[in-house]
Amino acid sequence: MRFKLLIKVAGLLSVRPGLWATAFRQLFRLAESGWWKRLPFLPIPNQELIEFRSKTQYGSLETEIEAVDVLAWLVWSKEFQQLKN
């Protein structure tokens, strides 16, 4: 599930270069600590965080996180960061 979602998000981001830095920054902020010590050696959020986000956004763990929702969150994150600066 997580890798499939990452591929879809990467596809959406490929045409939105203005969000690349935000996505990169958020990826490392949400990454599980010590991610570089475990396969697949990618900074992926842990399953508990993904489940929490899914439950709070969709109200259920059965609903998969949508790539467009991740993109919308990245847009919000970028705009919020600009407000803080």
PDB file of N, CA and C in Angstrom:
ATOM      1  N   MET A   1       0.824  -1.196   0.000  1.00  0.00           N
ATOM      2  CA  MET A   1       0.000   0.000   0.000  1.00  0.00           C
ATOM      3  C   MET A   1       0.861   1.249   0.000  1.00  0.00           C
ATOM      4  N   ARG A   2       1.842   1.309   0.862  1.00  0.00           N
ATOM      5  CA  ARG A   2       2.619   2.541   0.987  1.00  0.00           C
ATOM      6  C   ARG A   2       3.421   2.839  -0.279  1.00  0.00           C
ATOM      7  N   PHE A   3       4.004   1.802  -0.898  1.00  0.00           N
ATOM      8  CA  PHE A   3       4.812   2.037  -2.085  1.00  0.00           C
ATOM      9  C   PHE A   3       3.950   2.426  -3.272  1.00  0.00           C
ATOM     10  N   LYS A   4       2.783   1.825  -3.359  1.00  0.00           N
ATOM     11  CA  LYS A   4       1.842   2.170  -4.428  1.00  0.00           C
ATOM     12  C   LYS A   4       1.436   3.642  -4.315  1.00  0.00           C
ATOM     13  N   LEU A   5       1.162   4.070  -3.096  1.00  0.00           N
ATOM     14  CA  LEU A   5       0.802   5.459  -2.857  1.00  0.00           C
ATOM     15  C   LEU A   5       1.964   6.388  -3.203  1.00  0.00           C
ATOM     16  N   LEU A   6       3.172   6.012  -2.798  1.00  0.00           N
ATOM     17  CA  LEU A   6       4.344   6.837  -3.108  1.00  0.00           C
ATOM     18  C   LEU A   6       4.546   6.993  -4.611  1.00  0.00           C
ATOM     19  N   ILE A   7       4.325   5.927  -5.365  1.00  0.00           N
ATOM     20  CA  ILE A   7       4.458   5.991  -6.821  1.00  0.00           C
ATOM     21  C   ILE A   7       3.424   6.937  -7.417  1.00  0.00           C
ATOM     22  N   LYS A   8       2.185   6.850  -6.935  1.00  0.00           N
ATOM     23  CA  LYS A   8       1.129   7.744  -7.436  1.00  0.00           C
ATOM     24  C   LYS A   8       1.426   9.199  -7.094  1.00  0.00           C
ATOM     25  N   VAL A   9       1.875   9.440  -5.858  1.00  0.00           N
ATOM     26  CA  VAL A   9       2.209  10.806  -5.447  1.00  0.00           C
ATOM     27  C   VAL A   9       3.383  11.326  -6.275  1.00  0.00           C
ATOM     28  N   ALA A  10       4.385  10.485  -6.493  1.00  0.00           N
ATOM     29  CA  ALA A  10       5.534  10.900  -7.306  1.00  0.00           C
ATOM     30  C   ALA A  10       5.088  11.268  -8.718  1.00  0.00           C
ATOM     31  N   GLY A  11       4.140  10.521  -9.269  1.00  0.00           N
ATOM     32  CA  GLY A  11       3.610  10.841 -10.593  1.00  0.00           C
ATOM     33  C   GLY A  11       2.925  12.197 -10.621  1.00  0.00           C
ATOM     34  N   LEU A  12       2.135  12.476  -9.596  1.00  0.00           N
ATOM     35  CA  LEU A  12       1.468  13.778  -9.518  1.00  0.00           C
ATOM     36  C   LEU A  12       2.478  14.906  -9.304  1.00  0.00           C
ATOM     37  N   LEU A  13       3.497  14.632  -8.508  1.00  0.00           N
ATOM     38  CA  LEU A  13       4.511  15.657  -8.235  1.00  0.00           C
ATOM     39  C   LEU A  13       5.413  15.923  -9.434  1.00  0.00           C
ATOM     40  N   SER A  14       5.536  14.959 -10.324  1.00  0.00           N
ATOM     41  CA  SER A  14       6.436  15.129 -11.466  1.00  0.00           C
ATOM     42  C   SER A  14       6.049  16.331 -12.328  1.00  0.00           C
ATOM     43  N   VAL A  15       4.791  16.698 -12.313  1.00  0.00           N
ATOM     44  CA  VAL A  15       4.339  17.845 -13.107  1.00  0.00           C
ATOM     45  C   VAL A  15       4.107  19.084 -12.236  1.00  0.00           C
ATOM     46  N   ARG A  16       4.502  19.002 -10.959  1.00  0.00           N
ATOM     47  CA  ARG A  16       4.353  20.133 -10.033  1.00  0.00           C
ATOM     48  C   ARG A  16       5.691  20.451  -9.378  1.00  0.00           C
ATOM     49  N   PRO A  17       6.690  20.919 -10.141  1.00  0.00           N
ATOM     50  CA  PRO A  17       8.015  21.159  -9.565  1.00  0.00           C
ATOM     51  C   PRO A  17       8.016  22.170  -8.421  1.00  0.00           C
ATOM     52  N   GLY A  18       7.004  23.000  -8.333  1.00  0.00           N
ATOM     53  CA  GLY A  18       6.913  23.957  -7.236  1.00  0.00           C
ATOM     54  C   GLY A  18       6.691  23.286  -5.886  1.00  0.00           C
ATOM     55  N   LEU A  19       6.280  22.031  -5.893  1.00  0.00           N
ATOM     56  CA  LEU A  19       6.037  21.298  -4.651  1.00  0.00           C
ATOM     57  C   LEU A  19       7.156  20.314  -4.304  1.00  0.00           C
ATOM     58  N   TRP A  20       8.165  20.188  -5.155  1.00  0.00           N
ATOM     59  CA  TRP A  20       9.221  19.205  -4.921  1.00  0.00           C
ATOM     60  C   TRP A  20       9.931  19.443  -3.598  1.00  0.00           C
ATOM     61  N   ALA A  21      10.310  20.657  -3.316  1.00  0.00           N
ATOM     62  CA  ALA A  21      11.032  20.950  -2.072  1.00  0.00           C
ATOM     63  C   ALA A  21      10.142  20.680  -0.857  1.00  0.00           C
ATOM     64  N   THR A  22       8.882  21.054  -0.944  1.00  0.00           N
ATOM     65  CA  THR A  22       7.943  20.809   0.152  1.00  0.00           C
ATOM     66  C   THR A  22       7.778  19.314   0.383  1.00  0.00           C
ATOM     67  N   ALA A  23       7.624  18.555  -0.686  1.00  0.00           N
ATOM     68  CA  ALA A  23       7.454  17.102  -0.564  1.00  0.00           C
ATOM     69  C   ALA A  23       8.693  16.465   0.051  1.00  0.00           C
ATOM     70  N   PHE A  24       9.851  16.888  -0.387  1.00  0.00           N
ATOM     71  CA  PHE A  24      11.108  16.355   0.143  1.00  0.00           C
ATOM     72  C   PHE A  24      11.234  16.678   1.633  1.00  0.00           C
ATOM     73  N   ARG A  25      10.935  17.908   1.985  1.00  0.00           N
ATOM     74  CA  ARG A  25      11.011  18.336   3.383  1.00  0.00           C
ATOM     75  C   ARG A  25      10.037  17.539   4.260  1.00  0.00           C
ATOM     76  N   GLN A  26       8.804  17.383   3.806  1.00  0.00           N
ATOM     77  CA  GLN A  26       7.799  16.658   4.571  1.00  0.00           C
ATOM     78  C   GLN A  26       8.127  15.169   4.673  1.00  0.00           C
ATOM     79  N   LEU A  27       8.681  14.612   3.621  1.00  0.00           N
ATOM     80  CA  LEU A  27       9.058  13.207   3.644  1.00  0.00           C
ATOM     81  C   LEU A  27      10.034  12.923   4.777  1.00  0.00           C
ATOM     82  N   PHE A  28      11.025  13.784   4.928  1.00  0.00           N
ATOM     83  CA  PHE A  28      12.017  13.573   5.988  1.00  0.00           C
ATOM     84  C   PHE A  28      11.490  13.967   7.365  1.00  0.00           C
ATOM     85  N   ARG A  29      10.562  14.899   7.435  1.00  0.00           N
ATOM     86  CA  ARG A  29       9.967  15.260   8.727  1.00  0.00           C
ATOM     87  C   ARG A  29       9.100  14.126   9.281  1.00  0.00           C
ATOM     88  N   LEU A  30       8.434  13.415   8.395  1.00  0.00           N
ATOM     89  CA  LEU A  30       7.529  12.345   8.815  1.00  0.00           C
ATOM     90  C   LEU A  30       8.185  10.972   8.851  1.00  0.00           C
ATOM     91  N   ALA A  31       9.415  10.882   8.380  1.00  0.00           N
ATOM     92  CA  ALA A  31      10.081   9.577   8.303  1.00  0.00           C
ATOM     93  C   ALA A  31      10.296   8.976   9.682  1.00  0.00           C
ATOM     94  N   GLU A  32      10.182   7.668   9.722  1.00  0.00           N
ATOM     95  CA  GLU A  32      10.432   6.922  10.950  1.00  0.00           C
ATOM     96  C   GLU A  32      11.914   7.071  11.305  1.00  0.00           C
ATOM     97  N   SER A  33      12.205   7.274  12.577  1.00  0.00           N
ATOM     98  CA  SER A  33      13.603   7.446  12.956  1.00  0.00           C
ATOM     99  C   SER A  33      14.383   6.164  12.658  1.00  0.00           C
ATOM    100  N   GLY A  34      15.609   6.341  12.201  1.00  0.00           N
ATOM    101  CA  GLY A  34      16.467   5.212  11.852  1.00  0.00           C
ATOM    102  C   GLY A  34      16.089   4.546  10.544  1.00  0.00           C
ATOM    103  N   TRP A  35      15.374   5.246   9.673  1.00  0.00           N
ATOM    104  CA  TRP A  35      14.923   4.666   8.411  1.00  0.00           C
ATOM    105  C   TRP A  35      16.078   4.170   7.552  1.00  0.00           C
ATOM    106  N   TRP A  36      17.232   4.777   7.682  1.00  0.00           N
ATOM    107  CA  TRP A  36      18.393   4.409   6.861  1.00  0.00           C
ATOM    108  C   TRP A  36      19.020   3.081   7.295  1.00  0.00           C
ATOM    109  N   LYS A  37      18.582   2.546   8.426  1.00  0.00           N
ATOM    110  CA  LYS A  37      19.132   1.288   8.934  1.00  0.00           C
ATOM    111  C   LYS A  37      18.324   0.064   8.498  1.00  0.00           C
ATOM    112  N   ARG A  38      17.134   0.284   7.915  1.00  0.00           N
ATOM    113  CA  ARG A  38      16.238  -0.823   7.586  1.00  0.00           C
ATOM    114  C   ARG A  38      15.835  -0.777   6.111  1.00  0.00           C
ATOM    115  N   LEU A  39      15.647  -1.985   5.574  1.00  0.00           N
ATOM    116  CA  LEU A  39      15.132  -2.079   4.212  1.00  0.00           C
ATOM    117  C   LEU A  39      13.743  -1.457   4.167  1.00  0.00           C
ATOM    118  N   PRO A  40      13.389  -0.771   3.189  1.00  0.00           N
ATOM    119  CA  PRO A  40      13.996  -0.548   1.892  1.00  0.00           C
ATOM    120  C   PRO A  40      14.891   0.692   1.842  1.00  0.00           C
ATOM    121  N   PHE A  41      15.353   1.160   2.991  1.00  0.00           N
ATOM    122  CA  PHE A  41      16.262   2.316   3.094  1.00  0.00           C
ATOM    123  C   PHE A  41      15.654   3.579   2.486  1.00  0.00           C
ATOM    124  N   LEU A  42      14.374   3.769   2.734  1.00  0.00           N
ATOM    125  CA  LEU A  42      13.655   4.958   2.267  1.00  0.00           C
ATOM    126  C   LEU A  42      13.004   5.646   3.459  1.00  0.00           C
ATOM    127  N   PRO A  43      12.948   6.972   3.438  1.00  0.00           N
ATOM    128  CA  PRO A  43      12.327   7.720   4.548  1.00  0.00           C
ATOM    129  C   PRO A  43      10.806   7.682   4.484  1.00  0.00           C
ATOM    130  N   ILE A  44      10.239   6.554   4.858  1.00  0.00           N
ATOM    131  CA  ILE A  44       8.792   6.348   4.794  1.00  0.00           C
ATOM    132  C   ILE A  44       8.209   6.487   6.196  1.00  0.00           C
ATOM    133  N   PRO A  45       7.082   7.188   6.333  1.00  0.00           N
ATOM    134  CA  PRO A  45       6.440   7.286   7.655  1.00  0.00           C
ATOM    135  C   PRO A  45       6.068   5.899   8.176  1.00  0.00           C
ATOM    136  N   ASN A  46       6.065   5.746   9.499  1.00  0.00           N
ATOM    137  CA  ASN A  46       5.731   4.429  10.045  1.00  0.00           C
ATOM    138  C   ASN A  46       4.235   4.153   9.899  1.00  0.00           C
ATOM    139  N   GLN A  47       3.875   2.890  10.042  1.00  0.00           N
ATOM    140  CA  GLN A  47       2.510   2.443   9.820  1.00  0.00           C
ATOM    141  C   GLN A  47       1.530   3.096  10.792  1.00  0.00           C
ATOM    142  N   GLU A  48       1.954   3.334  12.030  1.00  0.00           N
ATOM    143  CA  GLU A  48       1.064   3.965  13.013  1.00  0.00           C
ATOM    144  C   GLU A  48       0.657   5.366  12.576  1.00  0.00           C
ATOM    145  N   LEU A  49       1.584   6.126  12.023  1.00  0.00           N
ATOM    146  CA  LEU A  49       1.272   7.469  11.546  1.00  0.00           C
ATOM    147  C   LEU A  49       0.319   7.406  10.354  1.00  0.00           C
ATOM    148  N   ILE A  50       0.569   6.484   9.457  1.00  0.00           N
ATOM    149  CA  ILE A  50      -0.302   6.334   8.293  1.00  0.00           C
ATOM    150  C   ILE A  50      -1.718   5.955   8.734  1.00  0.00           C
ATOM    151  N   GLU A  51      -1.820   5.037   9.700  1.00  0.00           N
ATOM    152  CA  GLU A  51      -3.130   4.639  10.200  1.00  0.00           C
ATOM    153  C   GLU A  51      -3.836   5.806  10.894  1.00  0.00           C
ATOM    154  N   PHE A  52      -3.092   6.590  11.670  1.00  0.00           N
ATOM    155  CA  PHE A  52      -3.670   7.751  12.338  1.00  0.00           C
ATOM    156  C   PHE A  52      -4.194   8.750  11.318  1.00  0.00           C
ATOM    157  N   ARG A  53      -3.399   9.039  10.296  1.00  0.00           N
ATOM    158  CA  ARG A  53      -3.835   9.988   9.261  1.00  0.00           C
ATOM    159  C   ARG A  53      -5.069   9.480   8.527  1.00  0.00           C
ATOM    160  N   SER A  54      -5.076   8.199   8.222  1.00  0.00           N
ATOM    161  CA  SER A  54      -6.205   7.608   7.516  1.00  0.00           C
ATOM    162  C   SER A  54      -7.466   7.672   8.366  1.00  0.00           C
ATOM    163  N   LYS A  55      -7.339   7.329   9.630  1.00  0.00           N
ATOM    164  CA  LYS A  55      -8.500   7.332  10.544  1.00  0.00           C
ATOM    165  C   LYS A  55      -9.044   8.749  10.739  1.00  0.00           C
ATOM    166  N   THR A  56      -8.147   9.736  10.912  1.00  0.00           N
ATOM    167  CA  THR A  56      -8.614  11.098  11.150  1.00  0.00           C
ATOM    168  C   THR A  56      -9.146  11.773   9.888  1.00  0.00           C
ATOM    169  N   GLN A  57      -8.602  11.427   8.729  1.00  0.00           N
ATOM    170  CA  GLN A  57      -9.083  12.057   7.498  1.00  0.00           C
ATOM    171  C   GLN A  57     -10.327  11.385   6.942  1.00  0.00           C
ATOM    172  N   TYR A  58     -10.301  10.049   6.901  1.00  0.00           N
ATOM    173  CA  TYR A  58     -11.392   9.326   6.245  1.00  0.00           C
ATOM    174  C   TYR A  58     -12.374   8.685   7.221  1.00  0.00           C
ATOM    175  N   GLY A  59     -12.015   8.637   8.516  1.00  0.00           N
ATOM    176  CA  GLY A  59     -12.894   8.044   9.505  1.00  0.00           C
ATOM    177  C   GLY A  59     -12.828   6.536   9.582  1.00  0.00           C
ATOM    178  N   SER A  60     -11.921   5.941   8.813  1.00  0.00           N
ATOM    179  CA  SER A  60     -11.828   4.486   8.772  1.00  0.00           C
ATOM    180  C   SER A  60     -10.429   4.070   8.366  1.00  0.00           C
ATOM    181  N   LEU A  61     -10.005   2.921   8.848  1.00  0.00           N
ATOM    182  CA  LEU A  61      -8.711   2.382   8.431  1.00  0.00           C
ATOM    183  C   LEU A  61      -8.823   1.611   7.119  1.00  0.00           C
ATOM    184  N   GLU A  62     -10.034   1.285   6.712  1.00  0.00           N
ATOM    185  CA  GLU A  62     -10.236   0.522   5.477  1.00  0.00           C
ATOM    186  C   GLU A  62     -10.060   1.394   4.234  1.00  0.00           C
ATOM    187  N   THR A  63     -10.296   2.680   4.363  1.00  0.00           N
ATOM    188  CA  THR A  63     -10.159   3.594   3.235  1.00  0.00           C
ATOM    189  C   THR A  63      -8.687   3.924   3.020  1.00  0.00           C
ATOM    190  N   GLU A  64      -8.221   3.712   1.811  1.00  0.00           N
ATOM    191  CA  GLU A  64      -6.820   4.003   1.503  1.00  0.00           C
ATOM    192  C   GLU A  64      -6.635   5.495   1.258  1.00  0.00           C
ATOM    193  N   ILE A  65      -5.487   6.003   1.653  1.00  0.00           N
ATOM    194  CA  ILE A  65      -5.154   7.406   1.430  1.00  0.00           C
ATOM    195  C   ILE A  65      -5.017   7.632  -0.065  1.00  0.00           C
ATOM    196  N   GLU A  66      -5.638   8.679  -0.554  1.00  0.00           N
ATOM    197  CA  GLU A  66      -5.608   9.012  -1.985  1.00  0.00           C
ATOM    198  C   GLU A  66      -4.427   9.921  -2.291  1.00  0.00           C
ATOM    199  N   ALA A  67      -3.809   9.705  -3.430  1.00  0.00           N
ATOM    200  CA  ALA A  67      -2.652  10.502  -3.843  1.00  0.00           C
ATOM    201  C   ALA A  67      -3.026  11.977  -4.001  1.00  0.00           C
ATOM    202  N   VAL A  68      -4.228  12.261  -4.489  1.00  0.00           N
ATOM    203  CA  VAL A  68      -4.638  13.661  -4.659  1.00  0.00           C
ATOM    204  C   VAL A  68      -4.789  14.351  -3.309  1.00  0.00           C
ATOM    205  N   ASP A  69      -5.161  13.587  -2.281  1.00  0.00           N
ATOM    206  CA  ASP A  69      -5.253  14.165  -0.941  1.00  0.00           C
ATOM    207  C   ASP A  69      -3.877  14.497  -0.396  1.00  0.00           C
ATOM    208  N   VAL A  70      -2.891  13.666  -0.697  1.00  0.00           N
ATOM    209  CA  VAL A  70      -1.510  13.940  -0.288  1.00  0.00           C
ATOM    210  C   VAL A  70      -1.028  15.203  -0.994  1.00  0.00           C
ATOM    211  N   LEU A  71      -1.349  15.330  -2.270  1.00  0.00           N
ATOM    212  CA  LEU A  71      -0.960  16.516  -3.037  1.00  0.00           C
ATOM    213  C   LEU A  71      -1.620  17.772  -2.447  1.00  0.00           C
ATOM    214  N   ALA A  72      -2.882  17.687  -2.095  1.00  0.00           N
ATOM    215  CA  ALA A  72      -3.580  18.827  -1.486  1.00  0.00           C
ATOM    216  C   ALA A  72      -2.926  19.198  -0.154  1.00  0.00           C
ATOM    217  N   TRP A  73      -2.534  18.192   0.616  1.00  0.00           N
ATOM    218  CA  TRP A  73      -1.858  18.449   1.897  1.00  0.00           C
ATOM    219  C   TRP A  73      -0.500  19.126   1.665  1.00  0.00           C
ATOM    220  N   LEU A  74       0.218  18.725   0.616  1.00  0.00           N
ATOM    221  CA  LEU A  74       1.504  19.354   0.312  1.00  0.00           C
ATOM    222  C   LEU A  74       1.317  20.817  -0.088  1.00  0.00           C
ATOM    223  N   VAL A  75       0.267  21.095  -0.851  1.00  0.00           N
ATOM    224  CA  VAL A  75      -0.031  22.485  -1.220  1.00  0.00           C
ATOM    225  C   VAL A  75      -0.316  23.288   0.050  1.00  0.00           C
ATOM    226  N   TRP A  76      -1.131  22.734   0.941  1.00  0.00           N
ATOM    227  CA  TRP A  76      -1.432  23.410   2.207  1.00  0.00           C
ATOM    228  C   TRP A  76      -0.152  23.622   3.014  1.00  0.00           C
ATOM    229  N   SER A  77       0.696  22.608   3.091  1.00  0.00           N
ATOM    230  CA  SER A  77       1.949  22.715   3.854  1.00  0.00           C
ATOM    231  C   SER A  77       2.838  23.830   3.315  1.00  0.00           C
ATOM    232  N   LYS A  78       2.921  23.910   2.001  1.00  0.00           N
ATOM    233  CA  LYS A  78       3.740  24.960   1.388  1.00  0.00           C
ATOM    234  C   LYS A  78       3.171  26.342   1.695  1.00  0.00           C
ATOM    235  N   GLU A  79       1.867  26.497   1.558  1.00  0.00           N
ATOM    236  CA  GLU A  79       1.240  27.794   1.836  1.00  0.00           C
ATOM    237  C   GLU A  79       1.365  28.160   3.312  1.00  0.00           C
ATOM    238  N   PHE A  80       1.210  27.206   4.192  1.00  0.00           N
ATOM    239  CA  PHE A  80       1.342  27.457   5.630  1.00  0.00           C
ATOM    240  C   PHE A  80       2.763  27.879   5.971  1.00  0.00           C
ATOM    241  N   GLN A  81       3.740  27.211   5.376  1.00  0.00           N
ATOM    242  CA  GLN A  81       5.146  27.555   5.631  1.00  0.00           C
ATOM    243  C   GLN A  81       5.440  28.971   5.145  1.00  0.00           C
ATOM    244  N   GLN A  82       4.851  29.362   4.023  1.00  0.00           N
ATOM    245  CA  GLN A  82       5.056  30.727   3.515  1.00  0.00           C
ATOM    246  C   GLN A  82       4.436  31.758   4.439  1.00  0.00           C
ATOM    247  N   LEU A  83       3.334  31.426   5.095  1.00  0.00           N
ATOM    248  CA  LEU A  83       2.709  32.348   6.036  1.00  0.00           C
ATOM    249  C   LEU A  83       3.594  32.579   7.254  1.00  0.00           C
ATOM    250  N   LYS A  84       4.299  31.528   7.677  1.00  0.00           N
ATOM    251  CA  LYS A  84       5.157  31.611   8.850  1.00  0.00           C
ATOM    252  C   LYS A  84       6.406  32.461   8.573  1.00  0.00           C
ATOM    253  N   ASN A  85       6.814  32.513   7.319  1.00  0.00           N
ATOM    254  CA  ASN A  85       8.044  33.278   6.972  1.00  0.00           C
ATOM    255  C   ASN A  85       7.776  34.713   6.696  1.00  0.00           C
TER     256      ASN A  85
END
